[in-house]
Every structure is written in C-alpha cells, then in structure tokens.
C-alpha atoms as a PDB file:
ATOM      1  CA  MET A   1      21.999  -5.426   3.594  1.00  0.00           C
ATOM      2  CA  GLN A   2      20.034  -8.470   5.114  1.00  0.00           C
ATOM      3  CA  VAL A   3      21.936 -10.983   7.536  1.00  0.00           C
ATOM      4  CA  GLN A   4      21.554 -14.623   7.139  1.00  0.00           C
ATOM      5  CA  GLY A   5      23.374 -16.650   9.957  1.00  0.00           C
ATOM      6  CA  GLU A   6      26.731 -15.613  10.191  1.00  0.00           C
ATOM      7  CA  GLN A   7      26.904 -14.175   6.418  1.00  0.00           C
ATOM      8  CA  SER A   8      25.683 -10.516   5.064  1.00  0.00           C
ATOM      9  CA  VAL A   9      23.987 -10.603   1.679  1.00  0.00           C
ATOM     10  CA  ARG A  10      24.102  -7.592  -0.462  1.00  0.00           C
ATOM     11  CA  LEU A  11      20.631  -7.146  -2.592  1.00  0.00           C
ATOM     12  CA  SER A  12      21.347  -6.692  -6.006  1.00  0.00           C
ATOM     13  CA  ARG A  13      20.140  -3.231  -7.696  1.00  0.00           C
ATOM     14  CA  THR A  14      17.341  -5.688  -9.761  1.00  0.00           C
ATOM     15  CA  GLN A  15      15.913  -6.610  -6.068  1.00  0.00           C
ATOM     16  CA  LYS A  16      16.147  -3.425  -4.562  1.00  0.00           C
ATOM     17  CA  LYS A  17      14.101  -2.104  -7.626  1.00  0.00           C
ATOM     18  CA  LYS A  18      11.579  -4.704  -7.419  1.00  0.00           C
ATOM     19  CA  ALA A  19      11.235  -3.959  -3.658  1.00  0.00           C
ATOM     20  CA  ALA A  20      10.720  -0.421  -4.331  1.00  0.00           C
ATOM     21  CA  LEU A  21       7.963  -1.410  -7.102  1.00  0.00           C
ATOM     22  CA  SER A  22       6.525  -3.612  -4.666  1.00  0.00           C
ATOM     23  CA  LEU A  23       5.693  -0.671  -2.084  1.00  0.00           C
ATOM     24  CA  GLN A  24       4.762   1.386  -4.718  1.00  0.00           C
ATOM     25  CA  GLU A  25       1.951  -0.808  -5.602  1.00  0.00           C
ATOM     26  CA  LEU A  26       1.358  -1.411  -2.387  1.00  0.00           C
ATOM     27  CA  GLY A  27       0.585   2.329  -2.076  1.00  0.00           C
ATOM     28  CA  GLU A  28      -1.637   2.190  -5.100  1.00  0.00           C
ATOM     29  CA  ARG A  29      -3.805  -0.006  -3.243  1.00  0.00           C
ATOM     30  CA  LEU A  30      -3.791   2.209  -0.273  1.00  0.00           C
ATOM     31  CA  VAL A  31      -5.349   4.891  -2.727  1.00  0.00           C
ATOM     32  CA  LYS A  32      -7.981   3.362  -3.826  1.00  0.00           C
ATOM     33  CA  LEU A  33      -9.511   2.991  -0.216  1.00  0.00           C
ATOM     34  CA  SER A  34     -12.244   5.055   0.931  1.00  0.00           C
ATOM     35  CA  ASP A  35     -11.325   7.410   3.781  1.00  0.00           C
ATOM     36  CA  GLU A  36     -13.393   5.150   6.021  1.00  0.00           C
ATOM     37  CA  GLN A  37     -11.298   1.987   4.912  1.00  0.00           C
ATOM     38  CA  LEU A  38      -8.311   4.155   5.619  1.00  0.00           C
ATOM     39  CA  LYS A  39      -9.154   4.687   9.538  1.00  0.00           C
ATOM     40  CA  ARG A  40      -9.470   1.028   9.855  1.00  0.00           C
ATOM     41  CA  ILE A  41      -5.344   0.331   9.005  1.00  0.00           C
ATOM     42  CA  ASP A  42      -3.081   1.533  11.407  1.00  0.00           C
ATOM     43  CA  LEU A  43      -1.075   3.717   9.121  1.00  0.00           C
ATOM     44  CA  PRO A  44       1.887   5.797  10.141  1.00  0.00           C
ATOM     45  CA  GLY A  45       0.489  10.029  10.086  1.00  0.00           C
ATOM     46  CA  ASN A  46       2.743  10.447   7.231  1.00  0.00           C
ATOM     47  CA  ILE A  47       1.679   8.038   5.009  1.00  0.00           C
ATOM     48  CA  LEU A  48      -1.978   8.684   5.613  1.00  0.00           C
ATOM     49  CA  VAL A  49      -1.108  12.593   4.551  1.00  0.00           C
ATOM     50  CA  ALA A  50       0.720  11.146   1.382  1.00  0.00           C
ATOM     51  CA  VAL A  51      -2.054   8.756   0.414  1.00  0.00           C
ATOM     52  CA  LYS A  52      -5.025  11.388   1.031  1.00  0.00           C
ATOM     53  CA  ALA A  53      -2.915  13.526  -0.993  1.00  0.00           C
ATOM     54  CA  ALA A  54      -2.825  11.204  -3.731  1.00  0.00           C
ATOM     55  CA  LYS A  55      -6.206  10.705  -3.864  1.00  0.00           C
ATOM     56  CA  ALA A  56      -6.709  14.400  -4.689  1.00  0.00           C
ATOM     57  CA  ILE A  57      -4.241  14.323  -7.680  1.00  0.00           C
ATOM     58  CA  LYS A  58      -5.760  13.926 -11.145  1.00  0.00           C
ATOM     59  CA  LYS A  59      -2.743  14.458 -13.601  1.00  0.00           C
ATOM     60  CA  HIS A  60      -0.834  11.260 -14.093  1.00  0.00           C
ATOM     61  CA  ASN A  61       2.518  12.757 -13.929  1.00  0.00           C
ATOM     62  CA  PRO A  62       2.085  14.431 -10.644  1.00  0.00           C
ATOM     63  CA  LEU A  63       0.183  10.972  -9.321  1.00  0.00           C
ATOM     64  CA  SER A  64       3.106   8.997 -10.420  1.00  0.00           C
ATOM     65  CA  ARG A  65       5.537  11.038  -8.243  1.00  0.00           C
ATOM     66  CA  GLN A  66       2.986  10.750  -5.278  1.00  0.00           C
ATOM     67  CA  MET A  67       3.162   6.749  -5.719  1.00  0.00           C
ATOM     68  CA  GLN A  68       6.993   6.768  -5.508  1.00  0.00           C
ATOM     69  CA  TYR A  69       6.970   9.109  -2.599  1.00  0.00           C
ATOM     70  CA  ILE A  70       4.377   7.008  -0.842  1.00  0.00           C
ATOM     71  CA  GLY A  71       7.167   3.918  -1.651  1.00  0.00           C
ATOM     72  CA  THR A  72       9.513   5.563  -0.334  1.00  0.00           C
ATOM     73  CA  LEU A  73       7.665   6.555   2.909  1.00  0.00           C
ATOM     74  CA  MET A  74       6.925   2.947   3.358  1.00  0.00           C
ATOM     75  CA  ARG A  75      10.794   1.698   2.957  1.00  0.00           C
ATOM     76  CA  LYS A  76      10.906   3.238   6.646  1.00  0.00           C
ATOM     77  CA  TYR A  77       7.936   0.834   8.140  1.00  0.00           C
ATOM     78  CA  ASP A  78       6.895  -2.966   8.142  1.00  0.00           C
ATOM     79  CA  PRO A  79       4.573  -3.052   5.329  1.00  0.00           C
ATOM     80  CA  THR A  80       3.883  -6.938   6.183  1.00  0.00           C
ATOM     81  CA  PRO A  81       0.464  -5.697   8.489  1.00  0.00           C
ATOM     82  CA  ILE A  82      -1.029  -3.367   5.739  1.00  0.00           C
ATOM     83  CA  ARG A  83      -0.538  -5.807   2.747  1.00  0.00           C
ATOM     84  CA  GLU A  84      -2.088  -8.338   5.286  1.00  0.00           C
ATOM     85  CA  PHE A  85      -5.048  -6.283   5.978  1.00  0.00           C
ATOM     86  CA  LEU A  86      -5.262  -5.111   2.165  1.00  0.00           C
ATOM     87  CA  ASP A  87      -5.421  -8.883   1.014  1.00  0.00           C
ATOM     88  CA  ALA A  88      -7.991  -9.854   3.814  1.00  0.00           C
ATOM     89  CA  PHE A  89     -10.230  -6.889   2.709  1.00  0.00           C
ATOM     90  CA  GLU A  90      -9.893  -7.691  -0.983  1.00  0.00           C
ATOM     91  CA  GLN A  91     -10.749 -11.127  -0.641  1.00  0.00           C
ATOM     92  CA  GLY A  92     -13.845 -10.311   1.416  1.00  0.00           C
ATOM     93  CA  TYR A  93     -14.889  -7.529  -0.864  1.00  0.00           C
ATOM     94  CA  PRO A  94     -16.845  -9.225  -3.563  1.00  0.00           C
ATOM     95  CA  GLN A  95     -18.920 -11.460  -0.917  1.00  0.00           C
ATOM     96  CA  GLN A  96     -19.588  -7.879   1.159  1.00  0.00           C
ATOM     97  CA  ASN A  97     -21.037  -6.455  -2.239  1.00  0.00           C
ATOM     98  CA  ALA A  98     -22.659  -9.386  -2.965  1.00  0.00           C
ATOM     99  CA  LYS A  99     -24.325  -9.485   0.725  1.00  0.00           C
ATOM    100  CA  SER A 100     -25.593  -5.628   0.188  1.00  0.00           C
ATOM    101  CA  LYS A 101     -26.930  -6.315  -2.777  1.00  0.00           C
ATOM    102  CA  GLN A 102     -29.243  -8.943  -1.941  1.00  0.00           C
ATOM    103  CA  ASP A 103     -30.040  -6.845   1.411  1.00  0.00           C
ATOM    104  CA  GLU A 104     -31.311  -4.044  -0.850  1.00  0.00           C
ATOM    105  CA  LYS A 105     -33.809  -6.371  -2.621  1.00  0.00           C
END
C-alpha cells in the first residue's frame, strides 16, 4: 500500500504484476554483466549469490524460475541505485567498446 498525503492508495493486481516484472527484468540485466562489473555494484549478498547462480543455469525453465526468485529478492531492497548504475553503464558501454577497438589499432 502506498500513502499519498493523508490517503492510502491500494495498488491494483496489474500494478503489482508490472512492478514484479520490472524487477525481474532488472535481474536479467544483472545476469548479463560480468563478474567484474557485478563487483562494482553494491548488491546485497543474497541477490549477488542468486545472480551468480543464474549465470550457471543453462536450461530455460530453471533459469526462468531463478529470474523470478531474483525479482522476489529485489522487492526487499530499493532498486533505484542498481537501475541507475545499469543505465549509466549501458549508455557508456558502446563508447568504451569503440575506444578499446581504437586502442588495439
């Protein structure tokens, strides 16, 4: 339940599902990062363990369940710093990749 001013506002089932899917997609973005990149993010220990476990899973259904589990764990924490780090990293990534290719020449 969210509180706006003096009134409390209930989230609809659809809003709750969208929030859960958003956190799950954030977890999928974390799984795509390398171990070095994960070290730069200040992740809670249980989320870091779950992300590393997901990296080892190759089958679709177990990976899907692990992604749901990561989304469930992320509900306990504020995802804003993680989302900001990933957005900043992904925006800077193409530039870093182009620089490394120029350095190789």
